[in-house]
Amino acid sequence: MPKVGMQPIRQKQIIAAAIETIHEFGIEQSSIRQIGMKAGISPSLITHYFGSRDALYTVVLRHLNRELSRATVERLRGAGTPMERLLAIASAQFEPAQFQPAVATTWFALWASLAGNPEMMRFQSIYERRLASNIAHCLRSLIPADRIEFGVNCLLAMIDGLWVKAAQPTSRITTENAFPIFKDYVLQLVAQLSRGQVGQ
């Protein structure tokens, strides 16, 4: 966690520099010195505010999750029905900003580092539980109660799988067709679960 009193603009500069540095050098090879050079800020100042490289990475993860939350809130403003809300939640995961090369690289790198950073894992767990809860809330009006957990797990797996494939430049799944694939899947899944055909 950054210390109180840090200027928001400077914090954004450091987070942006960390993302670019991870993209360029990889998460293990990135250093506070490299991040400071990229941000045009003294490495000692970054250490003063964040304490360590792992603590900075935790802030970067929180920033990325907050950007996803912000996008989700914006998409939900125009959603009325439970299905519209469900699709709005998913569409935020596939917005173009999430597939910028440096952002995608950083997501992959941070996910791979979760096991070695308890604080980062805690924040990611909070976000994932919130996402699962939001999806479950939408499904309550669409499918039987005893099928909700199965439905949530299916949709979370579909979102993650499509995102990972769309983030790979050689994949047949692209940023343009990922969400339409998800939309078709969720409509079929809800129809089948509402008739009790799967998830038994």
Protein backbone atom coordinates (compact mmCIF):
# COMPACT_ATOMS: atom_id res chain seq x y z
CA MET A 1 0.00 0.00 0.00
CA PRO A 2 1.38 3.46 -0.86
CA LYS A 3 1.89 5.84 2.00
CA VAL A 4 -0.71 8.52 2.70
CA GLY A 5 0.12 11.83 1.06
CA MET A 6 1.38 10.50 -2.23
CA GLN A 7 0.16 12.61 -5.12
CA PRO A 8 -2.44 10.71 -7.22
CA ILE A 9 -0.80 11.89 -10.45
CA ARG A 10 2.59 10.58 -9.34
CA GLN A 11 1.07 7.27 -8.25
CA LYS A 12 -0.56 6.88 -11.68
CA GLN A 13 2.80 7.61 -13.32
CA ILE A 14 4.48 4.88 -11.29
CA ILE A 15 1.71 2.34 -11.95
CA ALA A 16 1.82 3.07 -15.69
CA ALA A 17 5.61 2.74 -15.65
CA ALA A 18 5.39 -0.56 -13.78
CA ILE A 19 2.97 -1.94 -16.37
CA GLU A 20 5.23 -0.90 -19.24
CA THR A 21 8.32 -2.26 -17.49
CA ILE A 22 6.69 -5.63 -16.81
CA HIS A 23 5.66 -5.77 -20.46
CA GLU A 24 9.18 -4.98 -21.64
CA PHE A 25 11.32 -7.01 -19.22
CA GLY A 26 9.00 -9.51 -17.51
CA ILE A 27 7.88 -9.41 -13.91
CA GLU A 28 10.92 -11.14 -12.41
CA GLN A 29 13.44 -9.06 -14.35
CA SER A 30 11.74 -5.73 -13.65
CA SER A 31 13.30 -3.64 -10.91
CA ILE A 32 12.41 -0.55 -8.94
CA ARG A 33 15.28 1.21 -10.74
CA GLN A 34 13.87 0.36 -14.18
CA ILE A 35 10.38 1.42 -13.15
CA GLY A 36 11.72 4.68 -11.77
CA MET A 37 13.61 5.40 -14.98
CA LYS A 38 10.48 4.69 -17.02
CA ALA A 39 8.43 7.01 -14.80
CA GLY A 40 11.10 9.71 -14.58
CA ILE A 41 11.03 9.37 -10.81
CA SER A 42 13.80 8.55 -8.36
CA PRO A 43 13.80 4.82 -7.42
CA SER A 44 14.30 5.83 -3.79
CA LEU A 45 11.04 7.79 -3.95
CA ILE A 46 9.19 4.70 -5.24
CA THR A 47 10.67 2.67 -2.39
CA HIS A 48 9.67 5.39 0.06
CA TYR A 49 6.05 5.31 -1.05
CA PHE A 50 5.59 1.60 -1.75
CA GLY A 51 8.22 -0.11 0.39
CA SER A 52 9.07 -2.94 -1.98
CA ARG A 53 8.62 -4.20 -5.50
CA ASP A 54 6.04 -6.77 -4.37
CA ALA A 55 4.05 -4.06 -2.61
CA LEU A 56 4.10 -2.01 -5.83
CA TYR A 57 2.89 -5.03 -7.81
CA THR A 58 -0.01 -5.38 -5.37
CA VAL A 59 -0.98 -1.77 -6.08
CA VAL A 60 -0.74 -2.44 -9.83
CA LEU A 61 -3.09 -5.43 -9.44
CA ARG A 62 -5.55 -3.33 -7.45
CA HIS A 63 -5.39 -0.66 -10.13
CA LEU A 64 -6.19 -3.15 -12.90
CA ASN A 65 -9.07 -4.61 -10.92
CA ARG A 66 -10.43 -1.14 -10.18
CA GLU A 67 -10.34 -0.33 -13.89
CA LEU A 68 -12.39 -3.47 -14.52
CA SER A 69 -14.82 -2.49 -11.78
CA ARG A 70 -15.14 1.00 -13.25
CA ALA A 71 -15.88 -0.42 -16.69
CA THR A 72 -18.44 -2.79 -15.18
CA VAL A 73 -20.29 0.01 -13.39
CA GLU A 74 -20.41 2.02 -16.62
CA ARG A 75 -21.83 -0.93 -18.59
CA LEU A 76 -24.42 -1.68 -15.90
CA ARG A 77 -25.91 1.81 -16.14
CA GLY A 78 -27.69 0.87 -19.36
CA ALA A 79 -28.77 -2.60 -18.23
CA GLY A 80 -32.29 -3.26 -16.99
CA THR A 81 -33.09 -6.96 -17.02
CA PRO A 82 -31.05 -9.67 -15.25
CA MET A 83 -29.81 -10.96 -18.62
CA GLU A 84 -28.80 -7.45 -19.69
CA ARG A 85 -26.92 -7.01 -16.41
CA LEU A 86 -25.19 -10.35 -16.83
CA LEU A 87 -24.06 -9.45 -20.34
CA ALA A 88 -22.97 -6.00 -19.16
CA ILE A 89 -20.78 -7.54 -16.46
CA ALA A 90 -19.18 -9.85 -19.02
CA SER A 91 -18.76 -7.20 -21.70
CA ALA A 92 -16.62 -5.09 -19.34
CA GLN A 93 -14.14 -7.97 -19.21
CA PHE A 94 -13.76 -7.79 -22.98
CA GLU A 95 -13.45 -4.03 -23.47
CA PRO A 96 -10.50 -2.98 -25.70
CA ALA A 97 -8.50 -1.40 -22.86
CA GLN A 98 -8.07 -4.86 -21.30
CA PHE A 99 -6.33 -6.14 -24.43
CA GLN A 100 -3.67 -3.48 -24.82
CA PRO A 101 -0.42 -5.48 -25.10
CA ALA A 102 1.18 -4.07 -21.94
CA VAL A 103 -2.01 -4.53 -19.90
CA ALA A 104 -2.51 -8.11 -21.10
CA THR A 105 1.13 -8.98 -20.40
CA THR A 106 0.84 -7.53 -16.90
CA TRP A 107 -2.34 -9.48 -16.15
CA PHE A 108 -0.64 -12.74 -17.15
CA ALA A 109 2.48 -11.90 -15.13
CA LEU A 110 0.57 -10.91 -12.00
CA TRP A 111 -1.65 -14.00 -12.13
CA ALA A 112 1.47 -16.18 -12.37
CA SER A 113 2.91 -14.43 -9.29
CA LEU A 114 -0.15 -14.72 -7.04
CA ALA A 115 1.07 -17.78 -5.14
CA GLY A 116 4.23 -15.98 -4.03
CA ASN A 117 2.49 -12.79 -2.86
CA PRO A 118 -0.18 -13.34 -0.15
CA GLU A 119 -1.34 -9.71 -0.20
CA MET A 120 -1.76 -9.75 -3.97
CA MET A 121 -3.64 -13.06 -3.73
CA ARG A 122 -5.94 -11.56 -1.09
CA PHE A 123 -6.91 -8.62 -3.30
CA GLN A 124 -7.43 -10.85 -6.33
CA SER A 125 -9.61 -13.20 -4.28
CA ILE A 126 -11.77 -10.28 -3.17
CA TYR A 127 -12.31 -9.18 -6.76
CA GLU A 128 -13.08 -12.69 -7.98
CA ARG A 129 -15.58 -13.28 -5.18
CA ARG A 130 -17.30 -10.01 -6.05
CA LEU A 131 -17.49 -10.98 -9.72
CA ALA A 132 -18.91 -14.40 -8.84
CA SER A 133 -21.46 -12.77 -6.51
CA ASN A 134 -22.58 -10.32 -9.20
CA ILE A 135 -23.04 -13.12 -11.71
CA ALA A 136 -24.96 -15.21 -9.17
CA HIS A 137 -27.27 -12.27 -8.44
CA CYS A 138 -28.16 -12.04 -12.14
CA LEU A 139 -28.71 -15.78 -12.45
CA ARG A 140 -31.17 -15.93 -9.53
CA SER A 141 -33.93 -14.61 -11.76
CA LEU A 142 -32.97 -16.79 -14.72
CA ILE A 143 -32.35 -20.34 -13.50
CA PRO A 144 -33.33 -22.64 -10.58
CA ALA A 145 -31.58 -21.93 -7.29
CA ASP A 146 -29.86 -25.32 -7.19
CA ARG A 147 -28.19 -24.63 -10.57
CA ILE A 148 -26.77 -21.20 -9.71
CA GLU A 149 -23.37 -22.31 -8.42
CA PHE A 150 -22.86 -24.53 -11.46
CA GLY A 151 -23.90 -21.67 -13.74
CA VAL A 152 -21.55 -19.21 -12.05
CA ASN A 153 -18.61 -21.59 -12.41
CA CYS A 154 -19.40 -22.18 -16.09
CA LEU A 155 -19.59 -18.47 -16.85
CA LEU A 156 -16.44 -17.59 -14.91
CA ALA A 157 -14.54 -20.30 -16.77
CA MET A 158 -15.91 -19.08 -20.09
CA ILE A 159 -14.96 -15.46 -19.38
CA ASP A 160 -11.42 -16.39 -18.32
CA GLY A 161 -10.93 -18.80 -21.20
CA LEU A 162 -12.13 -16.38 -23.85
CA TRP A 163 -10.08 -13.54 -22.37
CA VAL A 164 -6.89 -15.61 -22.33
CA LYS A 165 -7.41 -16.74 -25.93
CA ALA A 166 -8.30 -13.23 -27.15
CA ALA A 167 -5.16 -11.85 -25.51
CA GLN A 168 -2.99 -14.21 -27.54
CA PRO A 169 -2.10 -12.63 -30.90
CA THR A 170 -2.11 -15.97 -32.76
CA SER A 171 -5.49 -17.16 -31.46
CA ARG A 172 -8.62 -17.64 -33.58
CA ILE A 173 -10.48 -16.01 -30.69
CA THR A 174 -10.10 -12.25 -31.08
CA THR A 175 -11.07 -9.13 -29.18
CA GLU A 176 -13.86 -8.67 -31.73
CA ASN A 177 -15.46 -12.11 -31.53
CA ALA A 178 -14.85 -13.01 -27.86
CA PHE A 179 -17.93 -11.29 -26.47
CA PRO A 180 -20.34 -12.50 -29.18
CA ILE A 181 -19.16 -16.05 -28.43
CA PHE A 182 -19.80 -15.49 -24.73
CA LYS A 183 -23.23 -14.01 -25.38
CA ASP A 184 -24.30 -17.01 -27.46
CA TYR A 185 -22.93 -19.37 -24.80
CA VAL A 186 -24.71 -17.69 -21.89
CA LEU A 187 -28.05 -17.70 -23.72
CA GLN A 188 -27.72 -21.42 -24.42
CA LEU A 189 -26.53 -22.21 -20.88
CA VAL A 190 -29.38 -20.32 -19.22
CA ALA A 191 -31.92 -22.00 -21.49
CA GLN A 192 -30.54 -25.45 -20.68
CA LEU A 193 -30.18 -24.83 -16.94
CA SER A 194 -33.69 -23.42 -16.71
CA ARG A 195 -34.95 -26.71 -18.18
CA GLY A 196 -32.69 -28.77 -15.92
CA GLN A 197 -30.79 -30.30 -18.82
CA VAL A 198 -27.24 -29.78 -17.53
CA GLY A 199 -25.45 -29.29 -14.24
CA GLN A 200 -27.01 -32.27 -12.50
